[in-house]
């Protein structure tokens, strides 16, 4: 078995390197630390039967050019960068484990919510610039939080919010009523969730059914003075409509960890005083990186042909 690791993060992680090399002798790492794409990515993977990838785009041209590739194991849980249909047609198996970074993402969402509710970024800048203005905030406790996408992260976040006494509303195309009823949550439609929640947080994969799921109409449905958080995938929200909702004051604030293009290009949005931004760090904790890396190593052996809509999910 010849293994290559396209991911820069995995390649420079000493523990993950050692654990992978303990299992496989013939491994090529991305030691140049470059972002591999298009022909450079194909050239890097060429000659290897197994590959570990992260944010690299794997399209039909990629799979067509690599007939000897047998397995791609995913470092991380997102898979919108993989053409699953082309992968399936090429007979390449996918190693994928959901939920490996769920606590890391959940904690970031809670941190963003509290930062926005208490105006912490603004107050930090004020004090450092010599101002001493005590702005009144709000508590997260007992707020109504709407979670759009109730998979691994959504459920984990809901359990954390339960400790704050929050009312949790969940929206998903799958039926999670048994889980919700057991824990005192409520599964509901998207319209009801948007109209009722003080905070809306997105935890969806990006595909044709979820792309731009939050547009101008949905933003207008949200309560005046509510908050929006996206720590899932760029492309779920119409960022131009979001900017308008912030500028009009309809939304109290928003916090995004992901964008339709990264780094983001709309500097007017990025510099809005009530917009909190982080550079796609949802899974960037020591604990999550180890968990994702070990799942990727395991996926080199435990994998299957993807079935869009069934695996992964």
Protein backbone atom coordinates (compact mmCIF):
# COMPACT_ATOMS: atom_id res chain seq x y z
CA UNK A 1 0.00 0.00 0.00
CA UNK A 2 1.34 3.41 -1.01
CA UNK A 3 -0.17 6.24 1.03
CA UNK A 4 -0.01 9.97 0.42
CA UNK A 5 -1.16 12.80 2.69
CA UNK A 6 -2.26 15.90 0.79
CA UNK A 7 -3.32 17.77 3.92
CA UNK A 8 -0.77 20.32 5.11
CA UNK A 9 -2.11 20.25 8.68
CA UNK A 10 -1.84 16.46 8.96
CA UNK A 11 1.58 16.44 7.29
CA UNK A 12 3.13 18.79 9.83
CA UNK A 13 1.55 17.16 12.91
CA UNK A 14 4.28 15.08 14.62
CA UNK A 15 1.94 12.72 16.48
CA UNK A 16 -0.20 11.96 13.44
CA UNK A 17 2.89 11.46 11.27
CA UNK A 18 4.36 8.99 13.77
CA UNK A 19 1.10 7.07 14.15
CA UNK A 20 0.64 6.80 10.38
CA UNK A 21 4.25 5.71 9.81
CA UNK A 22 3.88 3.09 12.55
CA UNK A 23 1.22 1.41 10.41
CA UNK A 24 2.49 2.03 6.87
CA UNK A 25 6.05 2.16 5.57
CA UNK A 26 5.51 3.83 2.20
CA UNK A 27 4.03 7.28 2.97
CA UNK A 28 4.42 10.56 1.10
CA UNK A 29 3.64 13.71 3.07
CA UNK A 30 2.95 17.21 1.76
CA UNK A 31 6.18 18.47 3.28
CA UNK A 32 6.32 21.46 0.95
CA UNK A 33 3.30 22.83 2.78
CA UNK A 34 1.58 24.04 -0.38
CA UNK A 35 -2.13 24.10 -1.11
CA UNK A 36 -2.53 21.32 -3.63
CA UNK A 37 -5.14 21.69 -6.36
CA UNK A 38 -5.87 20.76 -9.96
CA UNK A 39 -2.87 19.21 -11.74
CA UNK A 40 -0.54 19.70 -8.77
CA UNK A 41 -2.89 17.62 -6.63
CA UNK A 42 -3.18 14.93 -9.31
CA UNK A 43 0.61 14.78 -9.67
CA UNK A 44 1.03 14.48 -5.89
CA UNK A 45 -1.46 11.60 -5.57
CA UNK A 46 -0.30 9.80 -8.73
CA UNK A 47 1.29 6.44 -7.97
CA UNK A 48 -0.44 6.04 -4.61
CA UNK A 49 -3.27 3.63 -3.87
CA UNK A 50 -4.49 5.43 -0.74
CA UNK A 51 -4.74 9.15 0.03
CA UNK A 52 -5.62 11.29 3.03
CA UNK A 53 -7.18 14.61 2.02
CA UNK A 54 -8.74 17.55 3.85
CA UNK A 55 -9.94 20.65 1.99
CA UNK A 56 -8.53 19.61 -1.38
CA UNK A 57 -11.11 19.57 -4.19
CA UNK A 58 -11.62 16.09 -5.60
CA UNK A 59 -13.65 16.36 -8.81
CA UNK A 60 -14.37 14.11 -11.78
CA UNK A 61 -11.09 15.12 -13.48
CA UNK A 62 -9.18 14.10 -10.34
CA UNK A 63 -10.69 10.61 -10.23
CA UNK A 64 -10.44 10.10 -14.00
CA UNK A 65 -6.71 10.89 -13.92
CA UNK A 66 -5.93 8.44 -11.10
CA UNK A 67 -7.12 4.93 -12.07
CA UNK A 68 -4.84 3.28 -9.49
CA UNK A 69 -6.35 5.20 -6.57
CA UNK A 70 -8.37 2.85 -4.36
CA UNK A 71 -9.18 4.79 -1.19
CA UNK A 72 -9.52 8.40 -0.11
CA UNK A 73 -9.74 8.90 3.64
CA UNK A 74 -11.14 12.22 4.84
CA UNK A 75 -9.28 14.30 7.40
CA UNK A 76 -12.22 16.24 8.81
CA UNK A 77 -15.94 15.75 8.55
CA UNK A 78 -16.95 18.02 5.66
CA UNK A 79 -17.21 16.39 2.26
CA UNK A 80 -18.64 19.11 0.01
CA UNK A 81 -15.24 19.34 -1.69
CA UNK A 82 -15.58 15.75 -2.96
CA UNK A 83 -17.64 14.84 -6.02
CA UNK A 84 -19.22 11.78 -4.44
CA UNK A 85 -20.93 10.69 -7.66
CA UNK A 86 -17.65 10.75 -9.60
CA UNK A 87 -15.95 8.94 -6.73
CA UNK A 88 -18.64 6.26 -6.77
CA UNK A 89 -18.43 5.84 -10.55
CA UNK A 90 -14.65 5.50 -10.32
CA UNK A 91 -14.94 2.74 -7.72
CA UNK A 92 -12.91 4.65 -5.15
CA UNK A 93 -13.80 4.00 -1.51
CA UNK A 94 -14.23 6.72 1.10
CA UNK A 95 -12.96 6.61 4.65
CA UNK A 96 -15.15 8.99 6.65
CA UNK A 97 -16.21 9.31 10.29
CA UNK A 98 -18.79 11.87 11.34
CA UNK A 99 -18.70 13.84 14.55
CA UNK A 100 -14.97 13.70 15.27
CA UNK A 101 -14.78 17.47 15.82
CA UNK A 102 -18.25 18.05 17.23
CA UNK A 103 -17.22 19.32 20.68
CA UNK A 104 -14.66 21.68 19.17
CA UNK A 105 -17.31 23.25 16.91
CA UNK A 106 -19.94 23.32 19.68
CA UNK A 107 -17.65 25.18 22.05
CA UNK A 108 -16.79 27.74 19.34
CA UNK A 109 -20.50 28.39 18.80
CA UNK A 110 -21.06 28.96 22.52
CA UNK A 111 -18.04 31.26 22.60
CA UNK A 112 -19.38 33.26 19.64
CA UNK A 113 -22.84 33.53 21.19
CA UNK A 114 -21.50 34.85 24.50
CA UNK A 115 -19.08 37.22 22.77
CA UNK A 116 -21.91 38.73 20.74
CA UNK A 117 -24.40 38.88 23.60
CA UNK A 118 -21.90 40.65 25.86
CA UNK A 119 -20.33 42.88 23.12
CA UNK A 120 -16.90 41.54 24.07
CA UNK A 121 -15.07 42.34 20.78
CA UNK A 122 -16.34 45.96 20.84
CA UNK A 123 -15.55 46.44 24.52
CA UNK A 124 -12.08 44.97 24.08
CA UNK A 125 -11.31 47.46 21.31
CA UNK A 126 -12.79 50.35 23.34
CA UNK A 127 -10.70 49.72 26.44
CA UNK A 128 -7.51 49.26 24.42
CA UNK A 129 -8.17 52.58 22.66
CA UNK A 130 -8.60 54.40 25.98
CA UNK A 131 -12.39 54.34 26.28
CA UNK A 132 -14.19 53.08 29.37
CA UNK A 133 -17.81 52.58 28.41
CA UNK A 134 -19.80 49.84 30.14
CA UNK A 135 -22.27 48.56 27.55
CA UNK A 136 -25.14 46.46 28.81
CA UNK A 137 -25.36 42.99 27.32
CA UNK A 138 -27.55 39.91 27.51
CA UNK A 139 -27.08 36.43 28.96
CA UNK A 140 -27.09 33.24 26.98
CA UNK A 141 -29.01 31.55 29.79
CA UNK A 142 -32.68 30.90 29.02
CA UNK A 143 -32.49 32.16 25.44
CA UNK A 144 -34.27 30.32 22.63
CA UNK A 145 -31.65 28.83 20.31
CA UNK A 146 -32.57 27.42 16.92
CA UNK A 147 -30.21 24.75 15.57
CA UNK A 148 -30.53 24.23 11.80
CA UNK A 149 -29.06 20.82 11.10
CA UNK A 150 -29.33 18.36 13.98
CA UNK A 151 -26.55 15.92 13.23
CA UNK A 152 -23.47 15.23 15.36
CA UNK A 153 -22.65 18.87 16.10
CA UNK A 154 -26.26 19.98 16.45
CA UNK A 155 -27.05 17.36 19.07
CA UNK A 156 -23.82 18.00 20.99
CA UNK A 157 -24.47 21.75 21.01
CA UNK A 158 -28.05 21.21 22.19
CA UNK A 159 -26.87 19.23 25.20
CA UNK A 160 -24.42 22.01 26.14
CA UNK A 161 -27.15 24.64 25.78
CA UNK A 162 -29.40 22.58 28.04
CA UNK A 163 -27.00 23.36 30.89
CA UNK A 164 -27.66 27.08 30.25
CA UNK A 165 -31.40 26.52 30.56
CA UNK A 166 -31.89 27.39 26.89
CA UNK A 167 -34.99 26.45 24.94
CA UNK A 168 -33.64 24.45 21.99
CA UNK A 169 -35.45 24.26 18.66
CA UNK A 170 -34.13 21.82 16.07
CA UNK A 171 -34.69 21.67 12.33
CA UNK A 172 -33.55 18.79 10.15
CA UNK A 173 -34.85 16.79 7.19
CA UNK A 174 -34.44 13.65 9.33
CA UNK A 175 -36.71 12.78 12.22
CA UNK A 176 -35.00 13.33 15.58
CA UNK A 177 -38.18 13.64 17.63
CA UNK A 178 -37.27 10.73 19.91
CA UNK A 179 -33.95 12.40 20.83
CA UNK A 180 -35.64 15.78 21.20
CA UNK A 181 -38.46 14.48 23.35
CA UNK A 182 -36.02 12.62 25.61
CA UNK A 183 -33.98 15.76 26.27
CA UNK A 184 -36.72 18.36 26.27
CA UNK A 185 -35.96 19.87 22.87
CA UNK A 186 -38.45 20.53 20.06
CA UNK A 187 -38.06 19.64 16.40
CA UNK A 188 -39.82 22.14 14.19
CA UNK A 189 -39.98 23.61 10.71
CA UNK A 190 -37.46 26.16 9.50
CA UNK A 191 -39.95 29.03 9.34
CA UNK A 192 -41.07 28.51 12.94
CA UNK A 193 -37.47 28.21 14.12
CA UNK A 194 -36.41 31.44 12.42
CA UNK A 195 -39.38 33.39 13.73
CA UNK A 196 -39.01 32.14 17.31
CA UNK A 197 -35.28 31.94 18.03
CA UNK A 198 -33.12 34.55 19.73
CA UNK A 199 -30.05 32.87 18.23
CA UNK A 200 -29.96 30.80 15.03
CA UNK A 201 -26.93 28.57 14.44
CA UNK A 202 -26.27 26.54 11.29
CA UNK A 203 -24.87 23.00 11.31
CA UNK A 204 -25.52 21.67 7.82
CA UNK A 205 -23.39 20.11 5.11
CA UNK A 206 -23.20 22.07 1.87
CA UNK A 207 -25.00 20.48 -1.06
CA UNK A 208 -27.62 21.44 -3.63
CA UNK A 209 -30.40 21.23 -1.03
CA UNK A 210 -28.70 23.50 1.53
CA UNK A 211 -26.82 26.02 -0.62
CA UNK A 212 -28.09 29.53 0.26
CA UNK A 213 -30.67 28.07 2.62
CA UNK A 214 -30.56 31.43 4.42
CA UNK A 215 -31.38 34.22 1.97
CA UNK A 216 -33.01 37.64 2.32
CA UNK A 217 -36.44 36.07 2.93
CA UNK A 218 -35.16 33.88 5.76
CA UNK A 219 -33.17 36.72 7.34
CA UNK A 220 -36.29 38.87 7.31
CA UNK A 221 -38.17 36.07 9.08
CA UNK A 222 -35.73 36.13 11.98
CA UNK A 223 -36.70 38.08 15.08
CA UNK A 224 -35.59 41.70 15.16
CA UNK A 225 -32.49 41.89 17.33
CA UNK A 226 -31.63 38.20 16.94
CA UNK A 227 -28.23 36.65 16.18
CA UNK A 228 -26.98 34.36 13.40
CA UNK A 229 -24.00 31.98 13.69
CA UNK A 230 -22.47 29.93 10.89
CA UNK A 231 -19.69 27.57 11.92
CA UNK A 232 -20.66 24.90 9.40
CA UNK A 233 -20.00 25.62 5.73
CA UNK A 234 -19.59 28.70 3.59
CA UNK A 235 -22.31 29.00 0.97
CA UNK A 236 -25.21 28.32 3.33
CA UNK A 237 -25.94 32.04 3.70
CA UNK A 238 -26.38 34.82 1.15
CA UNK A 239 -23.61 37.05 2.46
CA UNK A 240 -24.85 40.13 0.59
CA UNK A 241 -28.27 39.77 2.22
CA UNK A 242 -26.56 39.21 5.57
CA UNK A 243 -24.64 42.48 5.20
CA UNK A 244 -27.90 44.31 4.50
CA UNK A 245 -29.55 42.75 7.57
CA UNK A 246 -26.65 43.92 9.74
CA UNK A 247 -26.58 47.40 8.21
CA UNK A 248 -30.31 47.86 8.72
CA UNK A 249 -30.05 46.73 12.34
CA UNK A 250 -32.54 43.90 11.83
CA UNK A 251 -29.92 41.47 13.13
CA UNK A 252 -28.22 42.42 16.37
CA UNK A 253 -25.03 40.66 15.25
CA UNK A 254 -23.67 37.67 13.38
CA UNK A 255 -20.65 35.41 13.81
CA UNK A 256 -19.16 33.42 10.93
CA UNK A 257 -16.29 30.93 10.91
CA UNK A 258 -16.84 29.98 7.25
CA UNK A 259 -17.43 31.85 4.00
CA UNK A 260 -18.43 31.19 0.40
CA UNK A 261 -14.86 32.04 -0.60
CA UNK A 262 -11.98 31.82 1.83
CA UNK A 263 -10.39 34.16 2.69
CA UNK A 264 -13.59 36.25 2.36
CA UNK A 265 -13.61 39.05 -0.19
CA UNK A 266 -16.35 41.41 1.03
CA UNK A 267 -14.39 43.71 3.31
CA UNK A 268 -17.44 45.85 4.07
CA UNK A 269 -19.05 42.80 5.63
CA UNK A 270 -15.87 41.69 7.40
CA UNK A 271 -15.32 45.09 9.00
CA UNK A 272 -18.92 45.60 10.10
CA UNK A 273 -18.73 46.39 13.83
CA UNK A 274 -21.38 43.79 14.71
CA UNK A 275 -19.88 40.98 12.67
CA UNK A 276 -17.61 38.54 14.51
CA UNK A 277 -15.21 36.64 12.25
CA UNK A 278 -12.90 33.67 12.73
CA UNK A 279 -10.80 31.98 9.98
CA UNK A 280 -12.45 28.53 9.69
CA UNK A 281 -11.20 27.26 13.06
CA UNK A 282 -14.21 25.19 14.11
CA UNK A 283 -12.18 22.00 14.21
CA UNK A 284 -8.87 23.64 15.10
CA UNK A 285 -8.25 22.40 18.62
CA UNK A 286 -5.54 20.01 19.72
CA UNK A 287 -8.15 17.45 20.71
CA UNK A 288 -10.19 17.68 17.51
CA UNK A 289 -7.14 17.55 15.24
CA UNK A 290 -5.97 14.33 16.88
CA UNK A 291 -9.45 12.82 16.66
CA UNK A 292 -9.85 13.77 12.99
CA UNK A 293 -6.35 12.57 12.12
CA UNK A 294 -6.80 9.22 13.84
CA UNK A 295 -10.15 8.77 12.10
CA UNK A 296 -8.43 9.48 8.77
CA UNK A 297 -5.77 6.85 9.53
CA UNK A 298 -8.47 4.35 10.44
CA UNK A 299 -10.33 5.21 7.23
CA UNK A 300 -7.48 3.88 5.12
CA UNK A 301 -8.60 0.39 6.20
CA UNK A 302 -12.26 0.96 7.09
CA UNK A 303 -13.99 2.49 4.09
CA UNK A 304 -16.69 1.92 1.51
CA UNK A 305 -17.87 3.17 -1.85
CA UNK A 306 -19.83 6.38 -1.21
CA UNK A 307 -23.58 6.36 -1.71
CA UNK A 308 -24.79 9.95 -2.13
CA UNK A 309 -27.61 10.58 0.33
CA UNK A 310 -26.74 7.49 2.40
CA UNK A 311 -22.99 7.47 3.02
CA UNK A 312 -21.60 9.81 4.13
CA UNK A 313 -24.41 11.59 5.93
